N, C-alpha and C. Protein backbone atom coordinates (compact mmCIF):
# COMPACT_ATOMS: atom_id res chain seq x y z
N UNK A 1 16.59 -27.07 -0.23
CA UNK A 1 15.64 -28.18 -0.33
C UNK A 1 14.23 -27.67 -0.04
N UNK A 2 13.28 -28.19 -0.78
CA UNK A 2 11.89 -27.79 -0.62
C UNK A 2 11.32 -28.39 0.66
N UNK A 3 10.52 -27.58 1.36
CA UNK A 3 9.85 -28.06 2.56
C UNK A 3 8.84 -29.15 2.19
N UNK A 4 8.89 -30.28 2.88
CA UNK A 4 7.93 -31.35 2.63
C UNK A 4 6.58 -30.96 3.21
N UNK A 5 5.54 -31.21 2.44
CA UNK A 5 4.18 -30.92 2.88
C UNK A 5 3.37 -32.20 2.94
N UNK A 6 2.35 -32.18 3.79
CA UNK A 6 1.51 -33.35 4.00
C UNK A 6 0.05 -32.95 3.84
N UNK A 7 -0.75 -33.84 3.27
CA UNK A 7 -2.19 -33.61 3.12
C UNK A 7 -2.90 -34.22 4.31
N UNK A 8 -3.77 -33.42 4.94
CA UNK A 8 -4.62 -33.93 6.02
C UNK A 8 -6.06 -33.87 5.51
N UNK A 9 -6.75 -35.01 5.56
CA UNK A 9 -8.11 -35.12 5.03
C UNK A 9 -9.10 -35.34 6.16
N UNK A 10 -10.17 -34.54 6.15
CA UNK A 10 -11.30 -34.76 7.04
C UNK A 10 -12.37 -35.45 6.20
N UNK A 11 -12.32 -36.80 6.16
CA UNK A 11 -13.22 -37.55 5.29
C UNK A 11 -14.69 -37.30 5.63
N UNK A 12 -14.97 -37.06 6.89
CA UNK A 12 -16.36 -36.81 7.30
C UNK A 12 -16.89 -35.52 6.69
N UNK A 13 -16.01 -34.57 6.41
CA UNK A 13 -16.43 -33.29 5.84
C UNK A 13 -16.54 -33.34 4.32
N UNK A 14 -15.89 -34.31 3.69
CA UNK A 14 -15.88 -34.39 2.22
C UNK A 14 -17.26 -34.76 1.70
N UNK A 15 -17.76 -33.94 0.78
CA UNK A 15 -19.07 -34.19 0.16
C UNK A 15 -18.95 -34.64 -1.29
N UNK A 16 -17.72 -34.87 -1.75
CA UNK A 16 -17.52 -35.43 -3.08
C UNK A 16 -17.66 -34.46 -4.24
N UNK A 17 -17.41 -33.19 -4.00
CA UNK A 17 -17.48 -32.24 -5.11
C UNK A 17 -16.41 -32.52 -6.16
N UNK A 18 -15.24 -33.00 -5.73
CA UNK A 18 -14.18 -33.38 -6.66
C UNK A 18 -13.36 -32.22 -7.19
N UNK A 19 -13.55 -31.03 -6.63
CA UNK A 19 -12.80 -29.86 -7.11
C UNK A 19 -11.30 -30.08 -6.90
N UNK A 20 -10.93 -30.65 -5.78
CA UNK A 20 -9.51 -30.91 -5.49
C UNK A 20 -8.89 -31.79 -6.56
N UNK A 21 -9.60 -32.85 -6.94
CA UNK A 21 -9.07 -33.80 -7.93
C UNK A 21 -9.02 -33.17 -9.32
N UNK A 22 -9.91 -32.24 -9.61
CA UNK A 22 -9.86 -31.55 -10.90
C UNK A 22 -8.62 -30.64 -10.96
N UNK A 23 -8.31 -29.99 -9.85
CA UNK A 23 -7.18 -29.06 -9.80
C UNK A 23 -5.85 -29.80 -9.74
N UNK A 24 -5.78 -30.85 -8.93
CA UNK A 24 -4.51 -31.56 -8.74
C UNK A 24 -4.73 -33.08 -8.68
N UNK A 25 -5.03 -33.68 -9.85
CA UNK A 25 -5.30 -35.13 -9.86
C UNK A 25 -4.09 -35.99 -9.52
N UNK A 26 -2.89 -35.38 -9.57
CA UNK A 26 -1.69 -36.14 -9.21
C UNK A 26 -1.66 -36.43 -7.70
N UNK A 27 -2.35 -35.62 -6.91
CA UNK A 27 -2.36 -35.80 -5.45
C UNK A 27 -3.71 -36.33 -4.97
N UNK A 28 -4.79 -35.69 -5.39
CA UNK A 28 -6.12 -36.02 -4.88
C UNK A 28 -6.83 -37.01 -5.79
N UNK A 29 -7.30 -38.08 -5.20
CA UNK A 29 -8.06 -39.11 -5.91
C UNK A 29 -9.45 -39.19 -5.28
N UNK A 30 -10.41 -39.74 -6.03
CA UNK A 30 -11.75 -39.94 -5.50
C UNK A 30 -12.06 -41.43 -5.51
N UNK A 31 -12.63 -41.91 -4.40
CA UNK A 31 -13.00 -43.32 -4.34
C UNK A 31 -14.32 -43.55 -5.06
N UNK A 32 -14.85 -44.75 -5.02
CA UNK A 32 -16.08 -45.08 -5.75
C UNK A 32 -17.28 -44.26 -5.29
N UNK A 33 -17.21 -43.73 -4.07
CA UNK A 33 -18.28 -42.89 -3.55
C UNK A 33 -18.02 -41.41 -3.75
N UNK A 34 -16.90 -41.08 -4.42
CA UNK A 34 -16.57 -39.69 -4.67
C UNK A 34 -15.86 -39.00 -3.52
N UNK A 35 -15.45 -39.77 -2.52
CA UNK A 35 -14.77 -39.21 -1.35
C UNK A 35 -13.26 -39.17 -1.62
N UNK A 36 -12.66 -38.06 -1.24
CA UNK A 36 -11.24 -37.84 -1.53
C UNK A 36 -10.34 -38.77 -0.72
N UNK A 37 -9.25 -39.18 -1.35
CA UNK A 37 -8.17 -39.89 -0.68
C UNK A 37 -6.88 -39.55 -1.40
N UNK A 38 -5.75 -39.90 -0.80
CA UNK A 38 -4.45 -39.71 -1.43
C UNK A 38 -3.69 -41.04 -1.37
N UNK A 39 -2.89 -41.31 -2.39
CA UNK A 39 -2.06 -42.51 -2.37
C UNK A 39 -0.95 -42.37 -1.33
N UNK A 40 -0.48 -41.15 -1.16
CA UNK A 40 0.60 -40.86 -0.20
C UNK A 40 0.30 -39.49 0.39
N UNK A 41 0.29 -39.40 1.72
CA UNK A 41 -0.05 -38.11 2.34
C UNK A 41 1.03 -37.04 2.12
N UNK A 42 2.24 -37.47 1.75
CA UNK A 42 3.31 -36.51 1.46
C UNK A 42 3.13 -35.98 0.02
N UNK A 43 3.09 -34.67 -0.12
CA UNK A 43 2.91 -34.04 -1.43
C UNK A 43 4.20 -34.21 -2.24
N UNK A 44 4.09 -34.75 -3.46
CA UNK A 44 5.29 -34.91 -4.29
C UNK A 44 5.95 -33.56 -4.60
N UNK A 45 7.27 -33.59 -4.66
CA UNK A 45 8.02 -32.36 -4.96
C UNK A 45 7.57 -31.78 -6.31
N UNK A 46 7.36 -30.49 -6.32
CA UNK A 46 6.93 -29.82 -7.53
C UNK A 46 5.42 -29.64 -7.63
N UNK A 47 4.68 -30.31 -6.76
CA UNK A 47 3.22 -30.21 -6.79
C UNK A 47 2.66 -29.46 -5.58
N UNK A 48 3.55 -28.82 -4.83
CA UNK A 48 3.12 -28.14 -3.60
C UNK A 48 2.05 -27.08 -3.87
N UNK A 49 2.28 -26.27 -4.89
CA UNK A 49 1.36 -25.16 -5.16
C UNK A 49 0.00 -25.68 -5.64
N UNK A 50 0.01 -26.66 -6.52
CA UNK A 50 -1.25 -27.24 -6.99
C UNK A 50 -2.00 -27.94 -5.86
N UNK A 51 -1.27 -28.63 -5.00
CA UNK A 51 -1.89 -29.30 -3.87
C UNK A 51 -2.56 -28.28 -2.94
N UNK A 52 -1.88 -27.16 -2.72
CA UNK A 52 -2.46 -26.09 -1.90
C UNK A 52 -3.72 -25.54 -2.55
N UNK A 53 -3.64 -25.29 -3.86
CA UNK A 53 -4.82 -24.77 -4.59
C UNK A 53 -5.99 -25.72 -4.47
N UNK A 54 -5.73 -27.01 -4.64
CA UNK A 54 -6.79 -28.01 -4.53
C UNK A 54 -7.42 -28.02 -3.15
N UNK A 55 -6.59 -27.93 -2.12
CA UNK A 55 -7.10 -27.92 -0.75
C UNK A 55 -7.93 -26.67 -0.49
N UNK A 56 -7.41 -25.52 -0.94
CA UNK A 56 -8.11 -24.26 -0.69
C UNK A 56 -9.42 -24.17 -1.47
N UNK A 57 -9.54 -24.90 -2.58
CA UNK A 57 -10.75 -24.85 -3.39
C UNK A 57 -11.88 -25.72 -2.84
N UNK A 58 -11.59 -26.54 -1.86
CA UNK A 58 -12.60 -27.44 -1.30
C UNK A 58 -13.73 -26.64 -0.65
N UNK A 59 -14.96 -26.80 -1.14
CA UNK A 59 -16.09 -26.04 -0.58
C UNK A 59 -16.38 -26.41 0.88
N UNK A 60 -15.98 -27.61 1.29
CA UNK A 60 -16.26 -28.08 2.65
C UNK A 60 -15.07 -27.92 3.59
N UNK A 61 -13.96 -27.38 3.10
CA UNK A 61 -12.73 -27.25 3.89
C UNK A 61 -12.31 -28.60 4.50
N UNK A 62 -12.41 -29.65 3.68
CA UNK A 62 -12.08 -31.00 4.15
C UNK A 62 -10.60 -31.32 4.01
N UNK A 63 -9.84 -30.43 3.38
CA UNK A 63 -8.43 -30.68 3.14
C UNK A 63 -7.57 -29.59 3.75
N UNK A 64 -6.42 -30.01 4.26
CA UNK A 64 -5.48 -29.06 4.80
C UNK A 64 -4.08 -29.52 4.40
N UNK A 65 -3.25 -28.54 4.07
CA UNK A 65 -1.85 -28.81 3.75
C UNK A 65 -1.02 -28.30 4.92
N UNK A 66 -0.23 -29.20 5.50
CA UNK A 66 0.59 -28.85 6.66
C UNK A 66 2.03 -29.27 6.41
N UNK A 67 2.94 -28.74 7.21
CA UNK A 67 4.34 -29.16 7.13
C UNK A 67 4.44 -30.62 7.57
N UNK A 68 5.20 -31.39 6.82
CA UNK A 68 5.35 -32.81 7.13
C UNK A 68 6.35 -33.00 8.26
């Protein structure tokens, strides 16, 4: 079984670049102000690698992927 992963968002650090949402729109969404949010903090199975890439691409390091 795949290890469940969780997205941790530092909303105060998010500057709305949207790189995360471009890389993995299935996980990362942007609100009306361009600030990142997720519908569910648990990363859907099969999207772990893309979710990690999206988090690592954040210029502000506002996202972290941790074990759920």
